[in-house]
Amino acid sequence: MRRPAYGITCRFTTISDPSELPVGDEAIVALHARHPQLDIHIYWQAMTYLLTGETEGVGGGESLYYLVKGGERLGDTDAGPVRYLSPQQVAQFSSAISDFNPDDFGEQRYDLADLDAKGIYPRRWRADGEENDLLSNIRELFSYLQGYLREVVVRGHGVIVSYENTELYFDDDDE
């Protein structure tokens, strides 16, 4: 039997016109329906840690932290802040992560016990990693993020960074 579990996902939504910046939860949902987007699932804080060795600091430049902070705060949802990254910030972010090879991404810092000990979201790395290749998931999503940001830069657009509560499923071993 499968039991539901919930997680906070990070979503990037392309904004071509800053006058379309959303105000309120309903506007964010409507925006997602009309614009290209990328969902990097529950790995946003882990990606930041694998990039920088930190989760919230400023080591290595502000743009490396755009998964967790930075940009113009537009408001909040029940899962976290909603932020706008200008076209210039998107270009900085894209440039900052462009040299990372997705096949090697995280190699120096990926340690399930360490991720759990540091409280890096989703804070269940050892349990989930026993039966899943989480690093491959992270690397694949990181490569999608790189490609998405390159495309947004080419178009000269900004992005909305938002977090959403998402229903996930894990097998229930009790039955």
N, C-alpha and C. Protein backbone atom coordinates (compact mmCIF):
# COMPACT_ATOMS: atom_id res chain seq x y z
N MET A 1 0.84 -1.18 0.00
CA MET A 1 0.00 0.00 0.00
C MET A 1 0.88 1.24 0.00
N ARG A 2 0.45 2.24 -0.70
CA ARG A 2 1.21 3.49 -0.77
C ARG A 2 0.56 4.52 0.13
N ARG A 3 1.39 5.24 0.84
CA ARG A 3 0.89 6.30 1.70
C ARG A 3 1.40 7.64 1.18
N PRO A 4 0.58 8.67 1.25
CA PRO A 4 1.04 9.96 0.74
C PRO A 4 2.04 10.61 1.69
N ALA A 5 2.97 11.32 1.09
CA ALA A 5 3.90 12.15 1.83
C ALA A 5 3.94 13.48 1.07
N TYR A 6 4.33 14.51 1.75
CA TYR A 6 4.32 15.83 1.14
C TYR A 6 5.73 16.42 1.14
N GLY A 7 6.01 17.19 0.13
CA GLY A 7 7.31 17.84 0.02
C GLY A 7 7.15 19.23 -0.55
N ILE A 8 8.18 20.02 -0.40
CA ILE A 8 8.18 21.38 -0.95
C ILE A 8 9.05 21.38 -2.20
N THR A 9 8.44 21.67 -3.32
CA THR A 9 9.17 21.73 -4.57
C THR A 9 9.48 23.18 -4.93
N CYS A 10 10.52 23.36 -5.71
CA CYS A 10 10.91 24.68 -6.19
C CYS A 10 10.59 24.75 -7.67
N ARG A 11 9.92 25.82 -8.06
CA ARG A 11 9.51 25.99 -9.45
C ARG A 11 10.01 27.33 -9.98
N PHE A 12 10.53 27.29 -11.19
CA PHE A 12 10.92 28.49 -11.93
C PHE A 12 9.87 28.72 -13.00
N THR A 13 9.38 29.94 -13.10
CA THR A 13 8.41 30.30 -14.12
C THR A 13 8.94 31.50 -14.88
N THR A 14 8.98 31.38 -16.19
CA THR A 14 9.51 32.44 -17.05
C THR A 14 8.56 33.62 -17.10
N ILE A 15 9.13 34.81 -16.95
CA ILE A 15 8.37 36.06 -17.03
C ILE A 15 8.99 36.94 -18.11
N SER A 16 8.21 37.21 -19.13
CA SER A 16 8.74 38.06 -20.20
C SER A 16 8.43 39.54 -19.95
N ASP A 17 7.39 39.80 -19.18
CA ASP A 17 6.95 41.18 -18.94
C ASP A 17 6.80 41.40 -17.44
N PRO A 18 7.68 42.20 -16.82
CA PRO A 18 7.59 42.43 -15.38
C PRO A 18 6.24 42.97 -14.91
N SER A 19 5.45 43.54 -15.81
CA SER A 19 4.12 44.01 -15.40
C SER A 19 3.20 42.84 -15.07
N GLU A 20 3.59 41.62 -15.44
CA GLU A 20 2.80 40.43 -15.14
C GLU A 20 3.16 39.79 -13.80
N LEU A 21 4.04 40.43 -13.03
CA LEU A 21 4.44 39.84 -11.75
C LEU A 21 3.20 39.60 -10.89
N PRO A 22 3.08 38.41 -10.33
CA PRO A 22 1.87 38.06 -9.59
C PRO A 22 1.80 38.67 -8.20
N VAL A 23 0.58 38.86 -7.74
CA VAL A 23 0.33 39.29 -6.37
C VAL A 23 -0.71 38.32 -5.82
N GLY A 24 -0.32 37.51 -4.83
CA GLY A 24 -1.24 36.56 -4.21
C GLY A 24 -1.15 35.17 -4.81
N ASP A 25 -1.59 34.17 -4.03
CA ASP A 25 -1.52 32.76 -4.42
C ASP A 25 -2.25 32.47 -5.73
N GLU A 26 -3.44 33.01 -5.90
CA GLU A 26 -4.22 32.72 -7.11
C GLU A 26 -3.51 33.24 -8.35
N ALA A 27 -2.88 34.39 -8.24
CA ALA A 27 -2.15 34.96 -9.38
C ALA A 27 -0.94 34.10 -9.73
N ILE A 28 -0.31 33.51 -8.73
CA ILE A 28 0.84 32.64 -8.98
C ILE A 28 0.39 31.38 -9.71
N VAL A 29 -0.69 30.77 -9.26
CA VAL A 29 -1.22 29.58 -9.91
C VAL A 29 -1.58 29.89 -11.36
N ALA A 30 -2.24 31.01 -11.60
CA ALA A 30 -2.63 31.41 -12.95
C ALA A 30 -1.39 31.66 -13.80
N LEU A 31 -0.38 32.26 -13.23
CA LEU A 31 0.86 32.53 -13.95
C LEU A 31 1.52 31.23 -14.41
N HIS A 32 1.57 30.24 -13.52
CA HIS A 32 2.16 28.94 -13.87
C HIS A 32 1.46 28.31 -15.06
N ALA A 33 0.18 28.51 -15.15
CA ALA A 33 -0.59 27.91 -16.24
C ALA A 33 -0.30 28.56 -17.59
N ARG A 34 0.19 29.79 -17.60
CA ARG A 34 0.38 30.54 -18.85
C ARG A 34 1.81 30.64 -19.33
N HIS A 35 2.79 30.29 -18.52
CA HIS A 35 4.18 30.55 -18.87
C HIS A 35 5.03 29.29 -18.75
N PRO A 36 6.11 29.21 -19.55
CA PRO A 36 7.04 28.08 -19.44
C PRO A 36 7.62 28.01 -18.03
N GLN A 37 7.87 26.78 -17.60
CA GLN A 37 8.38 26.62 -16.25
C GLN A 37 9.27 25.40 -16.13
N LEU A 38 9.99 25.34 -15.02
CA LEU A 38 10.83 24.21 -14.68
C LEU A 38 10.63 23.90 -13.21
N ASP A 39 10.37 22.67 -12.91
CA ASP A 39 10.19 22.20 -11.54
C ASP A 39 11.44 21.40 -11.18
N ILE A 40 12.15 21.82 -10.14
CA ILE A 40 13.33 21.06 -9.74
C ILE A 40 13.06 20.20 -8.51
N HIS A 41 11.80 19.93 -8.28
CA HIS A 41 11.35 18.97 -7.27
C HIS A 41 11.81 19.41 -5.88
N ILE A 42 12.21 18.47 -5.06
CA ILE A 42 12.55 18.75 -3.67
C ILE A 42 14.05 18.97 -3.46
N TYR A 43 14.80 19.13 -4.54
CA TYR A 43 16.26 19.15 -4.45
C TYR A 43 16.89 20.54 -4.43
N TRP A 44 16.10 21.59 -4.27
CA TRP A 44 16.59 22.96 -4.34
C TRP A 44 17.66 23.28 -3.30
N GLN A 45 17.47 22.88 -2.06
CA GLN A 45 18.46 23.20 -1.04
C GLN A 45 19.70 22.31 -1.20
N ALA A 46 19.51 21.07 -1.62
CA ALA A 46 20.66 20.19 -1.86
C ALA A 46 21.51 20.72 -3.01
N MET A 47 20.88 21.20 -4.07
CA MET A 47 21.65 21.76 -5.17
C MET A 47 22.49 22.94 -4.70
N THR A 48 21.90 23.80 -3.88
CA THR A 48 22.65 24.94 -3.35
C THR A 48 23.84 24.46 -2.54
N TYR A 49 23.62 23.47 -1.69
CA TYR A 49 24.72 22.93 -0.88
C TYR A 49 25.80 22.30 -1.76
N LEU A 50 25.41 21.54 -2.77
CA LEU A 50 26.39 20.91 -3.64
C LEU A 50 27.18 21.93 -4.45
N LEU A 51 26.55 23.07 -4.76
CA LEU A 51 27.23 24.15 -5.46
C LEU A 51 28.22 24.89 -4.58
N THR A 52 27.85 25.12 -3.32
CA THR A 52 28.58 26.07 -2.48
C THR A 52 29.19 25.50 -1.20
N GLY A 53 28.69 24.39 -0.72
CA GLY A 53 29.11 23.88 0.58
C GLY A 53 28.33 24.50 1.72
N GLU A 54 27.39 25.36 1.39
CA GLU A 54 26.54 26.04 2.37
C GLU A 54 25.09 25.97 1.88
N THR A 55 24.17 26.31 2.76
CA THR A 55 22.76 26.33 2.35
C THR A 55 22.17 27.73 2.31
N GLU A 56 22.77 28.66 3.07
CA GLU A 56 22.16 29.98 3.18
C GLU A 56 23.15 31.13 3.06
N GLY A 57 24.43 30.85 3.06
CA GLY A 57 25.44 31.90 3.12
C GLY A 57 25.65 32.62 1.81
N VAL A 58 26.76 33.33 1.72
CA VAL A 58 27.07 34.07 0.50
C VAL A 58 28.43 33.68 -0.06
N GLY A 59 29.02 32.60 0.44
CA GLY A 59 30.30 32.15 -0.11
C GLY A 59 30.14 31.79 -1.58
N GLY A 60 31.04 32.24 -2.42
CA GLY A 60 31.00 31.90 -3.83
C GLY A 60 30.12 32.80 -4.66
N GLY A 61 29.56 33.84 -4.09
CA GLY A 61 28.76 34.78 -4.86
C GLY A 61 27.27 34.58 -4.67
N GLU A 62 26.55 35.68 -4.60
CA GLU A 62 25.11 35.65 -4.34
C GLU A 62 24.34 34.82 -5.36
N SER A 63 24.74 34.88 -6.62
CA SER A 63 23.96 34.21 -7.66
C SER A 63 23.91 32.70 -7.48
N LEU A 64 24.88 32.10 -6.80
CA LEU A 64 24.83 30.65 -6.55
C LEU A 64 23.74 30.28 -5.56
N TYR A 65 23.17 31.25 -4.87
CA TYR A 65 22.14 30.99 -3.87
C TYR A 65 20.73 31.30 -4.35
N TYR A 66 20.56 31.58 -5.63
CA TYR A 66 19.25 31.99 -6.13
C TYR A 66 18.19 30.89 -6.03
N LEU A 67 18.58 29.66 -5.76
CA LEU A 67 17.57 28.62 -5.51
C LEU A 67 16.90 28.81 -4.15
N VAL A 68 17.59 29.46 -3.22
CA VAL A 68 17.05 29.61 -1.86
C VAL A 68 16.81 31.04 -1.42
N LYS A 69 17.44 32.02 -2.10
CA LYS A 69 17.24 33.41 -1.69
C LYS A 69 17.68 34.34 -2.81
N GLY A 70 17.39 35.62 -2.63
CA GLY A 70 17.80 36.63 -3.59
C GLY A 70 16.67 37.05 -4.50
N GLY A 71 16.89 38.12 -5.20
CA GLY A 71 15.87 38.67 -6.07
C GLY A 71 14.89 39.53 -5.29
N GLU A 72 13.83 39.92 -5.96
CA GLU A 72 12.79 40.77 -5.35
C GLU A 72 11.70 39.88 -4.77
N ARG A 73 11.44 40.02 -3.49
CA ARG A 73 10.40 39.23 -2.84
C ARG A 73 9.04 39.80 -3.21
N LEU A 74 8.20 38.94 -3.79
CA LEU A 74 6.87 39.36 -4.23
C LEU A 74 5.78 39.02 -3.22
N GLY A 75 6.07 38.10 -2.34
CA GLY A 75 5.08 37.66 -1.37
C GLY A 75 5.43 36.27 -0.88
N ASP A 76 4.44 35.58 -0.34
CA ASP A 76 4.66 34.25 0.21
C ASP A 76 3.50 33.34 -0.14
N THR A 77 3.80 32.06 -0.24
CA THR A 77 2.77 31.03 -0.28
C THR A 77 2.91 30.24 1.01
N ASP A 78 2.06 29.26 1.22
CA ASP A 78 2.18 28.46 2.44
C ASP A 78 3.46 27.62 2.45
N ALA A 79 4.14 27.49 1.30
CA ALA A 79 5.37 26.72 1.23
C ALA A 79 6.63 27.57 1.28
N GLY A 80 6.49 28.89 1.13
CA GLY A 80 7.68 29.73 1.18
C GLY A 80 7.54 30.99 0.36
N PRO A 81 8.64 31.73 0.24
CA PRO A 81 8.59 33.01 -0.46
C PRO A 81 8.45 32.84 -1.98
N VAL A 82 7.91 33.87 -2.59
CA VAL A 82 7.85 33.97 -4.05
C VAL A 82 8.76 35.13 -4.42
N ARG A 83 9.75 34.85 -5.30
CA ARG A 83 10.77 35.85 -5.61
C ARG A 83 10.87 36.03 -7.12
N TYR A 84 11.23 37.23 -7.52
CA TYR A 84 11.46 37.54 -8.93
C TYR A 84 12.94 37.76 -9.16
N LEU A 85 13.52 37.05 -10.13
CA LEU A 85 14.88 37.28 -10.57
C LEU A 85 14.82 38.02 -11.89
N SER A 86 15.43 39.18 -11.93
CA SER A 86 15.44 40.00 -13.14
C SER A 86 16.23 39.29 -14.25
N PRO A 87 16.09 39.75 -15.49
CA PRO A 87 16.90 39.17 -16.56
C PRO A 87 18.41 39.21 -16.25
N GLN A 88 18.87 40.27 -15.62
CA GLN A 88 20.29 40.36 -15.27
C GLN A 88 20.66 39.31 -14.22
N GLN A 89 19.80 39.10 -13.23
CA GLN A 89 20.07 38.09 -12.21
C GLN A 89 20.02 36.68 -12.80
N VAL A 90 19.09 36.45 -13.71
CA VAL A 90 19.02 35.15 -14.38
C VAL A 90 20.32 34.90 -15.15
N ALA A 91 20.82 35.92 -15.84
CA ALA A 91 22.08 35.79 -16.58
C ALA A 91 23.25 35.50 -15.63
N GLN A 92 23.26 36.15 -14.48
CA GLN A 92 24.32 35.90 -13.49
C GLN A 92 24.23 34.46 -12.98
N PHE A 93 23.03 34.01 -12.67
CA PHE A 93 22.82 32.65 -12.17
C PHE A 93 23.26 31.64 -13.23
N SER A 94 22.80 31.84 -14.46
CA SER A 94 23.16 30.93 -15.54
C SER A 94 24.67 30.87 -15.72
N SER A 95 25.31 32.01 -15.72
CA SER A 95 26.76 32.07 -15.87
C SER A 95 27.47 31.37 -14.71
N ALA A 96 26.97 31.57 -13.50
CA ALA A 96 27.60 30.99 -12.31
C ALA A 96 27.56 29.47 -12.31
N ILE A 97 26.53 28.87 -12.91
CA ILE A 97 26.41 27.40 -12.88
C ILE A 97 26.78 26.74 -14.21
N SER A 98 27.11 27.54 -15.21
CA SER A 98 27.34 26.98 -16.54
C SER A 98 28.56 26.06 -16.64
N ASP A 99 29.57 26.27 -15.81
CA ASP A 99 30.78 25.46 -15.92
C ASP A 99 30.71 24.14 -15.14
N PHE A 100 29.64 23.92 -14.41
CA PHE A 100 29.51 22.67 -13.67
C PHE A 100 29.03 21.57 -14.62
N ASN A 101 29.79 20.49 -14.70
CA ASN A 101 29.39 19.35 -15.52
C ASN A 101 28.35 18.53 -14.75
N PRO A 102 27.14 18.39 -15.29
CA PRO A 102 26.11 17.64 -14.56
C PRO A 102 26.53 16.21 -14.19
N ASP A 103 27.37 15.58 -15.01
CA ASP A 103 27.81 14.21 -14.71
C ASP A 103 28.72 14.14 -13.50
N ASP A 104 29.36 15.24 -13.16
CA ASP A 104 30.26 15.30 -12.00
C ASP A 104 29.68 16.12 -10.86
N PHE A 105 28.53 16.75 -11.10
CA PHE A 105 27.94 17.67 -10.13
C PHE A 105 27.73 16.99 -8.78
N GLY A 106 28.24 17.62 -7.74
CA GLY A 106 28.04 17.14 -6.38
C GLY A 106 29.05 16.13 -5.90
N GLU A 107 29.93 15.71 -6.77
CA GLU A 107 30.88 14.65 -6.43
C GLU A 107 31.67 14.94 -5.16
N GLN A 108 32.09 16.18 -4.95
CA GLN A 108 32.93 16.53 -3.80
C GLN A 108 32.15 16.58 -2.48
N ARG A 109 30.84 16.82 -2.54
CA ARG A 109 30.09 17.08 -1.31
C ARG A 109 28.95 16.10 -1.04
N TYR A 110 28.62 15.25 -1.98
CA TYR A 110 27.44 14.40 -1.82
C TYR A 110 27.74 13.27 -0.83
N ASP A 111 27.11 13.35 0.33
CA ASP A 111 27.24 12.36 1.39
C ASP A 111 25.90 12.35 2.12
N LEU A 112 25.18 11.24 2.03
CA LEU A 112 23.82 11.17 2.58
C LEU A 112 23.77 11.50 4.06
N ALA A 113 24.69 10.94 4.84
CA ALA A 113 24.69 11.20 6.28
C ALA A 113 24.98 12.68 6.56
N ASP A 114 25.89 13.27 5.81
CA ASP A 114 26.22 14.68 5.99
C ASP A 114 25.03 15.57 5.63
N LEU A 115 24.33 15.25 4.54
CA LEU A 115 23.16 16.03 4.16
C LEU A 115 22.11 15.98 5.26
N ASP A 116 21.88 14.80 5.84
CA ASP A 116 20.93 14.68 6.96
C ASP A 116 21.42 15.45 8.18
N ALA A 117 22.70 15.32 8.51
CA ALA A 117 23.25 15.99 9.70
C ALA A 117 23.15 17.51 9.58
N LYS A 118 23.29 18.03 8.38
CA LYS A 118 23.22 19.48 8.18
C LYS A 118 21.77 19.96 8.04
N GLY A 119 20.81 19.05 8.05
CA GLY A 119 19.40 19.43 7.98
C GLY A 119 18.99 19.94 6.61
N ILE A 120 19.66 19.48 5.57
CA ILE A 120 19.37 19.95 4.21
C ILE A 120 18.08 19.30 3.72
N TYR A 121 17.19 20.15 3.25
CA TYR A 121 15.88 19.69 2.81
C TYR A 121 16.03 18.67 1.69
N PRO A 122 15.31 17.55 1.75
CA PRO A 122 14.15 17.22 2.57
C PRO A 122 14.45 16.50 3.88
N ARG A 123 15.69 16.48 4.30
CA ARG A 123 16.09 15.96 5.60
C ARG A 123 15.77 14.47 5.79
N ARG A 124 15.83 13.70 4.73
CA ARG A 124 15.64 12.25 4.81
C ARG A 124 16.50 11.56 3.76
N TRP A 125 17.72 12.02 3.64
CA TRP A 125 18.60 11.54 2.58
C TRP A 125 18.97 10.08 2.72
N ARG A 126 19.36 9.65 3.92
CA ARG A 126 19.75 8.24 4.09
C ARG A 126 18.57 7.32 3.83
N ALA A 127 17.41 7.67 4.38
CA ALA A 127 16.22 6.81 4.20
C ALA A 127 15.83 6.71 2.73
N ASP A 128 15.78 7.84 2.05
CA ASP A 128 15.38 7.83 0.63
C ASP A 128 16.47 7.27 -0.27
N GLY A 129 17.73 7.47 0.14
CA GLY A 129 18.84 7.05 -0.70
C GLY A 129 19.15 5.57 -0.67
N GLU A 130 18.54 4.84 0.28
CA GLU A 130 18.78 3.40 0.35
C GLU A 130 18.27 2.68 -0.88
N GLU A 131 17.17 3.16 -1.45
CA GLU A 131 16.58 2.47 -2.59
C GLU A 131 16.52 3.33 -3.85
N ASN A 132 17.02 4.56 -3.78
CA ASN A 132 16.95 5.46 -4.92
C ASN A 132 18.31 6.09 -5.18
N ASP A 133 18.59 6.34 -6.44
CA ASP A 133 19.82 7.01 -6.82
C ASP A 133 19.54 8.51 -6.85
N LEU A 134 19.56 9.12 -5.68
CA LEU A 134 19.20 10.53 -5.54
C LEU A 134 20.18 11.45 -6.27
N LEU A 135 21.46 11.11 -6.26
CA LEU A 135 22.43 11.96 -6.93
C LEU A 135 22.16 12.01 -8.43
N SER A 136 21.76 10.90 -9.02
CA SER A 136 21.41 10.91 -10.45
C SER A 136 20.19 11.80 -10.69
N ASN A 137 19.22 11.75 -9.78
CA ASN A 137 18.05 12.64 -9.90
C ASN A 137 18.47 14.10 -9.85
N ILE A 138 19.33 14.42 -8.89
CA ILE A 138 19.81 15.80 -8.73
C ILE A 138 20.57 16.25 -9.97
N ARG A 139 21.45 15.38 -10.46
CA ARG A 139 22.24 15.73 -11.64
C ARG A 139 21.36 15.97 -12.86
N GLU A 140 20.37 15.12 -13.04
CA GLU A 140 19.47 15.30 -14.18
C GLU A 140 18.71 16.62 -14.08
N LEU A 141 18.16 16.91 -12.91
CA LEU A 141 17.43 18.16 -12.73
C LEU A 141 18.35 19.37 -12.83
N PHE A 142 19.59 19.23 -12.37
CA PHE A 142 20.56 20.32 -12.50
C PHE A 142 20.84 20.61 -13.98
N SER A 143 20.96 19.57 -14.78
CA SER A 143 21.19 19.79 -16.22
C SER A 143 19.99 20.48 -16.85
N TYR A 144 18.77 20.12 -16.40
CA TYR A 144 17.57 20.81 -16.89
C TYR A 144 17.59 22.28 -16.49
N LEU A 145 18.02 22.55 -15.24
CA LEU A 145 18.11 23.93 -14.76
C LEU A 145 19.09 24.72 -15.62
N GLN A 146 20.25 24.15 -15.91
CA GLN A 146 21.23 24.84 -16.75
C GLN A 146 20.63 25.19 -18.11
N GLY A 147 19.98 24.21 -18.74
CA GLY A 147 19.39 24.44 -20.06
C GLY A 147 18.26 25.46 -20.02
N TYR A 148 17.42 25.36 -19.00
CA TYR A 148 16.31 26.29 -18.84
C TYR A 148 16.83 27.72 -18.70
N LEU A 149 17.82 27.92 -17.83
CA LEU A 149 18.35 29.26 -17.62
C LEU A 149 19.02 29.81 -18.88
N ARG A 150 19.74 28.96 -19.61
CA ARG A 150 20.35 29.41 -20.87
C ARG A 150 19.28 29.93 -21.82
N GLU A 151 18.17 29.21 -21.93
CA GLU A 151 17.07 29.61 -22.82
C GLU A 151 16.44 30.92 -22.35
N VAL A 152 16.24 31.07 -21.06
CA VAL A 152 15.65 32.30 -20.52
C VAL A 152 16.58 33.48 -20.79
N VAL A 153 17.89 33.28 -20.64
CA VAL A 153 18.86 34.34 -20.91
C VAL A 153 18.81 34.75 -22.37
N VAL A 154 18.77 33.78 -23.27
CA VAL A 154 18.72 34.09 -24.71
C VAL A 154 17.51 34.96 -25.03
N ARG A 155 16.41 34.70 -24.37
CA ARG A 155 15.18 35.47 -24.60
C ARG A 155 15.14 36.79 -23.84
N GLY A 156 16.07 36.98 -22.90
CA GLY A 156 16.11 38.22 -22.13
C GLY A 156 15.00 38.34 -21.10
N HIS A 157 14.54 37.21 -20.58
CA HIS A 157 13.43 37.21 -19.63
C HIS A 157 13.92 37.06 -18.19
N GLY A 158 13.01 37.31 -17.26
CA GLY A 158 13.23 37.06 -15.85
C GLY A 158 12.50 35.79 -15.46
N VAL A 159 12.61 35.42 -14.19
CA VAL A 159 11.90 34.24 -13.69
C VAL A 159 11.32 34.52 -12.30
N ILE A 160 10.24 33.83 -12.04
CA ILE A 160 9.67 33.77 -10.69
C ILE A 160 10.18 32.48 -10.07
N VAL A 161 10.69 32.56 -8.85
CA VAL A 161 11.09 31.38 -8.09
C VAL A 161 10.06 31.22 -6.98
N SER A 162 9.39 30.09 -6.98
CA SER A 162 8.37 29.85 -5.95
C SER A 162 8.48 28.43 -5.42
N TYR A 163 7.89 28.22 -4.27
CA TYR A 163 7.91 26.92 -3.61
C TYR A 163 6.46 26.49 -3.42
N GLU A 164 6.22 25.20 -3.63
CA GLU A 164 4.86 24.68 -3.52
C GLU A 164 4.85 23.38 -2.74
N ASN A 165 3.83 23.21 -1.92
CA ASN A 165 3.61 21.92 -1.27
C ASN A 165 3.11 20.96 -2.34
N THR A 166 3.78 19.84 -2.46
CA THR A 166 3.45 18.86 -3.48
C THR A 166 3.28 17.51 -2.83
N GLU A 167 2.29 16.79 -3.25
CA GLU A 167 2.08 15.45 -2.74
C GLU A 167 3.03 14.49 -3.45
N LEU A 168 3.81 13.77 -2.67
CA LEU A 168 4.72 12.75 -3.16
C LEU A 168 4.22 11.41 -2.65
N TYR A 169 4.74 10.33 -3.16
CA TYR A 169 4.34 9.02 -2.65
C TYR A 169 5.57 8.19 -2.33
N PHE A 170 5.53 7.52 -1.20
CA PHE A 170 6.56 6.57 -0.81
C PHE A 170 5.87 5.27 -0.47
N ASP A 171 6.51 4.15 -0.74
CA ASP A 171 5.91 2.86 -0.39
C ASP A 171 5.82 2.74 1.12
N ASP A 172 4.70 2.23 1.59
CA ASP A 172 4.48 2.01 2.99
C ASP A 172 4.94 0.59 3.31
N ASP A 173 6.01 0.46 4.06
CA ASP A 173 6.57 -0.86 4.38
C ASP A 173 5.82 -1.56 5.51
N ASP A 174 4.86 -0.92 6.13
CA ASP A 174 4.14 -1.51 7.27
C ASP A 174 3.14 -2.57 6.85
N GLU A 175 2.86 -2.67 5.58
CA GLU A 175 1.84 -3.65 5.16
C GLU A 175 2.38 -4.62 4.18
